[in-house]
Amino acid sequence: MDGHRGDPAAAAAALERAVPMLVRWFTRSDVRRAMLADTDPALSATDAWLLGRITDTGPVRLSALADWQQVDRSTMTTQVRRLEAMGLVARGPDRRDGRAVLVSATSTGAARHRRTKQTARRVYERLLAGWSEDDLDVVAHAAARLVETLEPDQSNSAPHA
């Protein structure tokens, strides 16, 4: 790998191999159970992602959530209703636009999201336990950079604009 330092084709080949492996690893039932170990109420990976998005962004419109997940608004409405029925999110009026509805995490939902993140981090910490400090620094930087590249508008857009 050192012979290909700075080579976009080599980096692309590494990602081409790594991403499917990561997806396969993350979607294994044992890993998903470990990541979502807090089972009251039980959340699917989609539920956990959506709750995280709502918690992390603050009050957000259904249309913005649908755009982020690239689904129809009716699909997002169904997903939000499921979280609402569990007491994890609530809908309220958008004070800037009386026609719009904002979704926000309840205190129970925010606490659940924090527990899910802590559980997932422990899984990742065990996975990376044998890595050198240099490798840990590299992967942390690369992961943050990859997220910025995949979702460039996250830091620049208002949650409900």
N, C-alpha and C. Protein backbone atom coordinates (compact mmCIF):
# COMPACT_ATOMS: atom_id res chain seq x y z
N MET A 1 0.81 -1.19 0.00
CA MET A 1 0.00 0.00 0.00
C MET A 1 0.86 1.26 0.00
N ASP A 2 2.03 1.23 0.67
CA ASP A 2 2.88 2.41 0.71
C ASP A 2 3.35 2.83 -0.67
N GLY A 3 3.49 1.88 -1.61
CA GLY A 3 3.92 2.18 -2.96
C GLY A 3 2.88 2.96 -3.74
N HIS A 4 1.69 3.05 -3.24
CA HIS A 4 0.60 3.73 -3.93
C HIS A 4 0.18 5.00 -3.20
N ARG A 5 1.07 5.54 -2.38
CA ARG A 5 0.74 6.71 -1.57
C ARG A 5 0.25 7.86 -2.45
N GLY A 6 -0.93 8.40 -2.11
CA GLY A 6 -1.48 9.52 -2.85
C GLY A 6 -2.12 9.16 -4.17
N ASP A 7 -2.29 7.88 -4.45
CA ASP A 7 -2.84 7.42 -5.72
C ASP A 7 -4.36 7.26 -5.59
N PRO A 8 -5.15 8.12 -6.26
CA PRO A 8 -6.61 8.00 -6.17
C PRO A 8 -7.13 6.63 -6.62
N ALA A 9 -6.51 6.03 -7.62
CA ALA A 9 -6.96 4.71 -8.09
C ALA A 9 -6.75 3.65 -7.02
N ALA A 10 -5.62 3.72 -6.31
CA ALA A 10 -5.37 2.76 -5.24
C ALA A 10 -6.35 2.96 -4.08
N ALA A 11 -6.62 4.23 -3.75
CA ALA A 11 -7.59 4.52 -2.68
C ALA A 11 -8.98 4.05 -3.08
N ALA A 12 -9.34 4.27 -4.35
CA ALA A 12 -10.65 3.81 -4.84
C ALA A 12 -10.74 2.29 -4.78
N ALA A 13 -9.67 1.60 -5.15
CA ALA A 13 -9.67 0.13 -5.09
C ALA A 13 -9.80 -0.35 -3.65
N ALA A 14 -9.13 0.34 -2.72
CA ALA A 14 -9.25 -0.04 -1.31
C ALA A 14 -10.68 0.16 -0.81
N LEU A 15 -11.31 1.28 -1.18
CA LEU A 15 -12.70 1.52 -0.80
C LEU A 15 -13.64 0.51 -1.46
N GLU A 16 -13.37 0.19 -2.72
CA GLU A 16 -14.21 -0.77 -3.44
C GLU A 16 -14.22 -2.11 -2.71
N ARG A 17 -13.12 -2.47 -2.11
CA ARG A 17 -13.06 -3.73 -1.35
C ARG A 17 -13.62 -3.55 0.06
N ALA A 18 -13.32 -2.44 0.71
CA ALA A 18 -13.67 -2.26 2.11
C ALA A 18 -15.16 -1.99 2.34
N VAL A 19 -15.77 -1.15 1.51
CA VAL A 19 -17.16 -0.76 1.76
C VAL A 19 -18.10 -1.97 1.77
N PRO A 20 -18.07 -2.85 0.78
CA PRO A 20 -18.95 -4.01 0.86
C PRO A 20 -18.68 -4.89 2.09
N MET A 21 -17.40 -4.99 2.48
CA MET A 21 -17.07 -5.76 3.67
C MET A 21 -17.66 -5.12 4.92
N LEU A 22 -17.55 -3.79 5.00
CA LEU A 22 -18.12 -3.07 6.14
C LEU A 22 -19.64 -3.24 6.19
N VAL A 23 -20.28 -3.09 5.04
CA VAL A 23 -21.74 -3.25 4.99
C VAL A 23 -22.12 -4.67 5.41
N ARG A 24 -21.41 -5.66 4.88
CA ARG A 24 -21.71 -7.05 5.24
C ARG A 24 -21.49 -7.27 6.73
N TRP A 25 -20.40 -6.75 7.26
CA TRP A 25 -20.11 -6.90 8.69
C TRP A 25 -21.19 -6.24 9.53
N PHE A 26 -21.53 -5.00 9.18
CA PHE A 26 -22.50 -4.24 9.97
C PHE A 26 -23.89 -4.86 9.91
N THR A 27 -24.25 -5.50 8.83
CA THR A 27 -25.59 -6.06 8.70
C THR A 27 -25.69 -7.49 9.21
N ARG A 28 -24.58 -8.05 9.67
CA ARG A 28 -24.65 -9.38 10.30
C ARG A 28 -25.53 -9.28 11.53
N SER A 29 -26.32 -10.31 11.77
CA SER A 29 -27.28 -10.24 12.88
C SER A 29 -26.58 -10.09 14.23
N ASP A 30 -25.44 -10.73 14.44
CA ASP A 30 -24.76 -10.61 15.73
C ASP A 30 -24.22 -9.20 15.95
N VAL A 31 -23.74 -8.57 14.91
CA VAL A 31 -23.22 -7.20 15.03
C VAL A 31 -24.37 -6.23 15.25
N ARG A 32 -25.45 -6.39 14.49
CA ARG A 32 -26.60 -5.50 14.67
C ARG A 32 -27.18 -5.63 16.07
N ARG A 33 -27.25 -6.87 16.57
CA ARG A 33 -27.74 -7.05 17.95
C ARG A 33 -26.83 -6.36 18.94
N ALA A 34 -25.52 -6.47 18.73
CA ALA A 34 -24.56 -5.82 19.63
C ALA A 34 -24.68 -4.30 19.54
N MET A 35 -24.86 -3.77 18.33
CA MET A 35 -24.97 -2.31 18.15
C MET A 35 -26.26 -1.77 18.75
N LEU A 36 -27.32 -2.53 18.64
CA LEU A 36 -28.64 -2.09 19.11
C LEU A 36 -29.05 -2.87 20.36
N ALA A 37 -28.08 -3.13 21.24
CA ALA A 37 -28.29 -4.01 22.38
C ALA A 37 -29.40 -3.54 23.32
N ASP A 38 -29.61 -2.27 23.38
CA ASP A 38 -30.66 -1.73 24.24
C ASP A 38 -32.00 -2.02 23.56
N THR A 39 -32.78 -2.94 24.11
CA THR A 39 -33.94 -3.44 23.38
C THR A 39 -35.29 -2.93 23.87
N ASP A 40 -35.30 -1.90 24.69
CA ASP A 40 -36.59 -1.43 25.18
C ASP A 40 -36.78 0.04 24.86
N PRO A 41 -37.50 0.39 23.85
CA PRO A 41 -38.16 -0.47 22.86
C PRO A 41 -37.18 -0.93 21.79
N ALA A 42 -37.50 -2.04 21.14
CA ALA A 42 -36.64 -2.58 20.09
C ALA A 42 -36.64 -1.65 18.89
N LEU A 43 -35.46 -1.38 18.36
CA LEU A 43 -35.33 -0.52 17.19
C LEU A 43 -34.68 -1.31 16.06
N SER A 44 -35.15 -1.07 14.86
CA SER A 44 -34.46 -1.59 13.68
C SER A 44 -33.28 -0.66 13.41
N ALA A 45 -32.40 -1.07 12.50
CA ALA A 45 -31.28 -0.20 12.13
C ALA A 45 -31.81 1.10 11.54
N THR A 46 -32.88 1.03 10.75
CA THR A 46 -33.48 2.23 10.17
C THR A 46 -34.05 3.13 11.26
N ASP A 47 -34.74 2.53 12.24
CA ASP A 47 -35.27 3.31 13.36
C ASP A 47 -34.14 4.03 14.09
N ALA A 48 -33.05 3.32 14.36
CA ALA A 48 -31.93 3.90 15.09
C ALA A 48 -31.29 5.03 14.28
N TRP A 49 -31.13 4.81 12.96
CA TRP A 49 -30.56 5.86 12.11
C TRP A 49 -31.45 7.10 12.13
N LEU A 50 -32.75 6.90 11.96
CA LEU A 50 -33.69 8.01 11.90
C LEU A 50 -33.74 8.75 13.23
N LEU A 51 -33.80 8.03 14.33
CA LEU A 51 -33.79 8.67 15.64
C LEU A 51 -32.51 9.47 15.82
N GLY A 52 -31.40 8.91 15.39
CA GLY A 52 -30.13 9.63 15.48
C GLY A 52 -30.13 10.90 14.67
N ARG A 53 -30.66 10.83 13.47
CA ARG A 53 -30.71 12.00 12.59
C ARG A 53 -31.57 13.09 13.22
N ILE A 54 -32.73 12.71 13.73
CA ILE A 54 -33.64 13.67 14.35
C ILE A 54 -33.00 14.26 15.60
N THR A 55 -32.39 13.43 16.43
CA THR A 55 -31.76 13.90 17.66
C THR A 55 -30.59 14.84 17.36
N ASP A 56 -29.76 14.45 16.40
CA ASP A 56 -28.55 15.22 16.11
C ASP A 56 -28.83 16.54 15.41
N THR A 57 -29.91 16.62 14.63
CA THR A 57 -30.19 17.84 13.88
C THR A 57 -31.13 18.78 14.59
N GLY A 58 -31.84 18.30 15.58
CA GLY A 58 -32.84 19.13 16.23
C GLY A 58 -34.14 19.04 15.45
N PRO A 59 -35.08 19.90 15.74
CA PRO A 59 -36.36 19.83 15.01
C PRO A 59 -36.12 19.88 13.51
N VAL A 60 -36.77 18.95 12.80
CA VAL A 60 -36.53 18.82 11.37
C VAL A 60 -37.84 18.49 10.67
N ARG A 61 -38.00 18.98 9.47
CA ARG A 61 -39.20 18.69 8.68
C ARG A 61 -39.16 17.27 8.14
N LEU A 62 -40.34 16.70 7.98
CA LEU A 62 -40.45 15.37 7.38
C LEU A 62 -39.83 15.34 5.98
N SER A 63 -40.03 16.39 5.21
CA SER A 63 -39.49 16.43 3.85
C SER A 63 -37.96 16.37 3.87
N ALA A 64 -37.32 17.00 4.84
CA ALA A 64 -35.86 16.95 4.94
C ALA A 64 -35.40 15.54 5.30
N LEU A 65 -36.12 14.90 6.21
CA LEU A 65 -35.79 13.51 6.56
C LEU A 65 -35.95 12.59 5.36
N ALA A 66 -37.03 12.77 4.62
CA ALA A 66 -37.26 11.95 3.43
C ALA A 66 -36.16 12.17 2.40
N ASP A 67 -35.74 13.40 2.23
CA ASP A 67 -34.64 13.70 1.31
C ASP A 67 -33.35 13.00 1.75
N TRP A 68 -33.03 13.09 3.05
CA TRP A 68 -31.81 12.47 3.56
C TRP A 68 -31.81 10.96 3.36
N GLN A 69 -32.97 10.36 3.57
CA GLN A 69 -33.05 8.91 3.44
C GLN A 69 -33.39 8.49 2.01
N GLN A 70 -33.69 9.46 1.17
CA GLN A 70 -34.04 9.23 -0.23
C GLN A 70 -35.24 8.29 -0.35
N VAL A 71 -36.29 8.65 0.38
CA VAL A 71 -37.56 7.92 0.31
C VAL A 71 -38.68 8.93 0.11
N ASP A 72 -39.83 8.42 -0.24
CA ASP A 72 -41.02 9.24 -0.40
C ASP A 72 -41.46 9.76 0.98
N ARG A 73 -42.07 10.91 0.98
CA ARG A 73 -42.53 11.49 2.26
C ARG A 73 -43.50 10.57 2.98
N SER A 74 -44.35 9.84 2.24
CA SER A 74 -45.30 8.93 2.90
C SER A 74 -44.56 7.81 3.63
N THR A 75 -43.45 7.35 3.06
CA THR A 75 -42.63 6.33 3.73
C THR A 75 -42.04 6.91 5.01
N MET A 76 -41.55 8.14 4.93
CA MET A 76 -40.98 8.77 6.11
C MET A 76 -42.04 9.00 7.17
N THR A 77 -43.25 9.34 6.76
CA THR A 77 -44.34 9.54 7.71
C THR A 77 -44.58 8.25 8.49
N THR A 78 -44.58 7.12 7.80
CA THR A 78 -44.78 5.83 8.45
C THR A 78 -43.66 5.55 9.44
N GLN A 79 -42.42 5.83 9.04
CA GLN A 79 -41.29 5.58 9.93
C GLN A 79 -41.34 6.48 11.16
N VAL A 80 -41.69 7.74 10.96
CA VAL A 80 -41.77 8.67 12.08
C VAL A 80 -42.92 8.28 13.00
N ARG A 81 -44.03 7.84 12.45
CA ARG A 81 -45.15 7.39 13.30
C ARG A 81 -44.74 6.25 14.21
N ARG A 82 -43.91 5.33 13.68
CA ARG A 82 -43.45 4.20 14.49
C ARG A 82 -42.63 4.73 15.68
N LEU A 83 -41.73 5.68 15.43
CA LEU A 83 -40.93 6.25 16.52
C LEU A 83 -41.80 7.05 17.48
N GLU A 84 -42.80 7.71 16.93
CA GLU A 84 -43.73 8.49 17.75
C GLU A 84 -44.52 7.56 18.67
N ALA A 85 -44.96 6.43 18.16
CA ALA A 85 -45.72 5.46 18.96
C ALA A 85 -44.88 4.90 20.10
N MET A 86 -43.56 4.86 19.91
CA MET A 86 -42.66 4.38 20.96
C MET A 86 -42.30 5.49 21.95
N GLY A 87 -42.79 6.70 21.70
CA GLY A 87 -42.50 7.82 22.58
C GLY A 87 -41.11 8.40 22.39
N LEU A 88 -40.48 8.14 21.24
CA LEU A 88 -39.11 8.59 21.01
C LEU A 88 -39.03 9.91 20.27
N VAL A 89 -40.06 10.25 19.49
CA VAL A 89 -40.12 11.53 18.79
C VAL A 89 -41.51 12.11 18.95
N ALA A 90 -41.59 13.41 18.69
CA ALA A 90 -42.88 14.11 18.74
C ALA A 90 -42.92 15.08 17.57
N ARG A 91 -44.12 15.34 17.10
CA ARG A 91 -44.33 16.32 16.04
C ARG A 91 -44.89 17.59 16.64
N GLY A 92 -44.48 18.72 16.04
CA GLY A 92 -44.99 20.00 16.49
C GLY A 92 -45.00 20.98 15.34
N PRO A 93 -45.65 22.10 15.53
CA PRO A 93 -45.74 23.09 14.44
C PRO A 93 -44.40 23.78 14.20
N ASP A 94 -44.21 24.19 12.97
CA ASP A 94 -43.05 25.00 12.60
C ASP A 94 -43.50 26.45 12.78
N ARG A 95 -42.92 27.15 13.71
CA ARG A 95 -43.36 28.53 14.00
C ARG A 95 -43.08 29.47 12.83
N ARG A 96 -42.12 29.09 11.97
CA ARG A 96 -41.80 29.93 10.81
C ARG A 96 -42.75 29.69 9.66
N ASP A 97 -43.39 28.51 9.63
CA ASP A 97 -44.30 28.16 8.54
C ASP A 97 -45.41 27.31 9.14
N GLY A 98 -46.55 27.91 9.35
CA GLY A 98 -47.67 27.24 10.00
C GLY A 98 -48.16 26.00 9.28
N ARG A 99 -47.84 25.85 8.00
CA ARG A 99 -48.26 24.67 7.24
C ARG A 99 -47.36 23.47 7.49
N ALA A 100 -46.14 23.72 7.97
CA ALA A 100 -45.14 22.66 8.12
C ALA A 100 -45.17 22.07 9.53
N VAL A 101 -44.71 20.83 9.60
CA VAL A 101 -44.60 20.11 10.87
C VAL A 101 -43.13 19.78 11.10
N LEU A 102 -42.68 19.98 12.33
CA LEU A 102 -41.32 19.63 12.70
C LEU A 102 -41.34 18.39 13.59
N VAL A 103 -40.35 17.54 13.41
CA VAL A 103 -40.20 16.34 14.22
C VAL A 103 -38.98 16.55 15.11
N SER A 104 -39.12 16.26 16.38
CA SER A 104 -37.99 16.37 17.30
C SER A 104 -37.98 15.17 18.23
N ALA A 105 -36.81 14.90 18.78
CA ALA A 105 -36.68 13.79 19.72
C ALA A 105 -37.27 14.20 21.06
N THR A 106 -37.93 13.27 21.70
CA THR A 106 -38.38 13.48 23.07
C THR A 106 -37.16 13.26 23.99
N SER A 107 -37.31 13.57 25.25
CA SER A 107 -36.19 13.30 26.18
C SER A 107 -35.89 11.81 26.22
N THR A 108 -36.92 10.98 26.13
CA THR A 108 -36.73 9.52 26.08
C THR A 108 -35.98 9.13 24.82
N GLY A 109 -36.35 9.73 23.69
CA GLY A 109 -35.68 9.44 22.43
C GLY A 109 -34.23 9.86 22.43
N ALA A 110 -33.95 11.05 22.96
CA ALA A 110 -32.57 11.53 23.02
C ALA A 110 -31.73 10.64 23.91
N ALA A 111 -32.30 10.21 25.04
CA ALA A 111 -31.56 9.30 25.93
C ALA A 111 -31.31 7.96 25.25
N ARG A 112 -32.30 7.47 24.53
CA ARG A 112 -32.13 6.21 23.80
C ARG A 112 -31.04 6.33 22.75
N HIS A 113 -31.02 7.45 22.03
CA HIS A 113 -29.98 7.67 21.01
C HIS A 113 -28.59 7.70 21.65
N ARG A 114 -28.46 8.37 22.79
CA ARG A 114 -27.16 8.40 23.48
C ARG A 114 -26.72 7.00 23.87
N ARG A 115 -27.64 6.18 24.39
CA ARG A 115 -27.29 4.79 24.76
C ARG A 115 -26.89 3.98 23.55
N THR A 116 -27.61 4.15 22.44
CA THR A 116 -27.28 3.41 21.21
C THR A 116 -25.89 3.80 20.72
N LYS A 117 -25.57 5.09 20.74
CA LYS A 117 -24.25 5.55 20.31
C LYS A 117 -23.16 4.98 21.22
N GLN A 118 -23.40 4.99 22.53
CA GLN A 118 -22.41 4.45 23.46
C GLN A 118 -22.19 2.96 23.22
N THR A 119 -23.26 2.23 22.99
CA THR A 119 -23.16 0.80 22.72
C THR A 119 -22.37 0.55 21.44
N ALA A 120 -22.69 1.29 20.39
CA ALA A 120 -21.99 1.13 19.12
C ALA A 120 -20.51 1.47 19.27
N ARG A 121 -20.21 2.53 20.00
CA ARG A 121 -18.81 2.90 20.19
C ARG A 121 -18.03 1.81 20.90
N ARG A 122 -18.65 1.15 21.88
CA ARG A 122 -17.98 0.04 22.56
C ARG A 122 -17.69 -1.10 21.59
N VAL A 123 -18.61 -1.38 20.65
CA VAL A 123 -18.38 -2.41 19.64
C VAL A 123 -17.18 -2.01 18.78
N TYR A 124 -17.14 -0.77 18.33
CA TYR A 124 -16.02 -0.29 17.51
C TYR A 124 -14.71 -0.30 18.30
N GLU A 125 -14.77 0.08 19.57
CA GLU A 125 -13.55 0.07 20.39
C GLU A 125 -12.98 -1.33 20.50
N ARG A 126 -13.85 -2.33 20.68
CA ARG A 126 -13.36 -3.72 20.73
C ARG A 126 -12.77 -4.12 19.38
N LEU A 127 -13.41 -3.71 18.30
CA LEU A 127 -12.93 -4.04 16.97
C LEU A 127 -11.53 -3.46 16.72
N LEU A 128 -11.29 -2.24 17.21
CA LEU A 128 -10.05 -1.53 16.94
C LEU A 128 -9.02 -1.68 18.06
N ALA A 129 -9.29 -2.51 19.05
CA ALA A 129 -8.45 -2.60 20.24
C ALA A 129 -6.98 -2.88 19.94
N GLY A 130 -6.67 -3.67 18.95
CA GLY A 130 -5.29 -4.03 18.66
C GLY A 130 -4.58 -3.10 17.70
N TRP A 131 -5.22 -2.03 17.28
CA TRP A 131 -4.63 -1.13 16.30
C TRP A 131 -3.63 -0.17 16.96
N SER A 132 -2.61 0.22 16.21
CA SER A 132 -1.62 1.18 16.71
C SER A 132 -2.24 2.57 16.80
N GLU A 133 -1.59 3.45 17.57
CA GLU A 133 -2.07 4.83 17.67
C GLU A 133 -2.09 5.50 16.30
N ASP A 134 -1.06 5.26 15.50
CA ASP A 134 -1.02 5.85 14.16
C ASP A 134 -2.19 5.37 13.31
N ASP A 135 -2.47 4.05 13.34
CA ASP A 135 -3.59 3.52 12.56
C ASP A 135 -4.92 4.08 13.05
N LEU A 136 -5.06 4.22 14.37
CA LEU A 136 -6.30 4.78 14.93
C LEU A 136 -6.48 6.23 14.47
N ASP A 137 -5.40 7.00 14.47
CA ASP A 137 -5.47 8.39 14.00
C ASP A 137 -5.86 8.44 12.53
N VAL A 138 -5.26 7.56 11.73
CA VAL A 138 -5.55 7.54 10.30
C VAL A 138 -7.01 7.17 10.05
N VAL A 139 -7.51 6.12 10.72
CA VAL A 139 -8.89 5.70 10.47
C VAL A 139 -9.88 6.75 10.97
N ALA A 140 -9.59 7.40 12.09
CA ALA A 140 -10.49 8.44 12.59
C ALA A 140 -10.55 9.61 11.60
N HIS A 141 -9.41 10.01 11.10
CA HIS A 141 -9.37 11.10 10.12
C HIS A 141 -10.08 10.69 8.83
N ALA A 142 -9.78 9.50 8.34
CA ALA A 142 -10.39 9.03 7.08
C ALA A 142 -11.90 8.89 7.22
N ALA A 143 -12.37 8.38 8.35
CA ALA A 143 -13.81 8.22 8.55
C ALA A 143 -14.50 9.58 8.56
N ALA A 144 -13.92 10.54 9.27
CA ALA A 144 -14.52 11.88 9.32
C ALA A 144 -14.52 12.51 7.92
N ARG A 145 -13.44 12.35 7.21
CA ARG A 145 -13.34 12.92 5.86
C ARG A 145 -14.33 12.26 4.92
N LEU A 146 -14.51 10.95 5.04
CA LEU A 146 -15.46 10.23 4.20
C LEU A 146 -16.88 10.70 4.46
N VAL A 147 -17.24 10.89 5.72
CA VAL A 147 -18.58 11.40 6.05
C VAL A 147 -18.77 12.79 5.45
N GLU A 148 -17.77 13.66 5.56
CA GLU A 148 -17.86 15.00 4.97
C GLU A 148 -18.06 14.93 3.46
N THR A 149 -17.40 13.98 2.83
CA THR A 149 -17.51 13.83 1.38
C THR A 149 -18.87 13.28 0.98
N LEU A 150 -19.37 12.32 1.74
CA LEU A 150 -20.66 11.69 1.42
C LEU A 150 -21.84 12.59 1.73
N GLU A 151 -21.72 13.43 2.75
CA GLU A 151 -22.81 14.31 3.15
C GLU A 151 -22.29 15.73 3.31
N PRO A 152 -21.88 16.36 2.21
CA PRO A 152 -21.25 17.68 2.31
C PRO A 152 -22.16 18.78 2.84
N ASP A 153 -23.45 18.65 2.69
CA ASP A 153 -24.36 19.72 3.12
C ASP A 153 -24.73 19.63 4.58
N GLN A 154 -24.32 18.60 5.29
CA GLN A 154 -24.72 18.44 6.69
C GLN A 154 -24.27 19.58 7.57
N SER A 155 -23.06 20.06 7.39
CA SER A 155 -22.58 21.12 8.27
C SER A 155 -23.00 22.51 7.81
N ASN A 156 -23.49 22.60 6.57
CA ASN A 156 -23.81 23.91 6.02
C ASN A 156 -25.29 24.23 5.94
N SER A 157 -26.15 23.26 6.21
CA SER A 157 -27.58 23.54 6.03
C SER A 157 -28.32 23.55 7.35
N ALA A 158 -29.32 24.37 7.41
CA ALA A 158 -30.18 24.42 8.60
C ALA A 158 -31.04 23.16 8.60
N PRO A 159 -31.31 22.58 9.77
CA PRO A 159 -32.03 21.33 9.85
C PRO A 159 -33.43 21.39 9.26
N HIS A 160 -34.10 22.52 9.30
CA HIS A 160 -35.47 22.56 8.81
C HIS A 160 -35.66 23.62 7.72
N ALA A 161 -34.59 24.00 7.10
CA ALA A 161 -34.71 24.99 6.02
C ALA A 161 -35.22 24.35 4.76
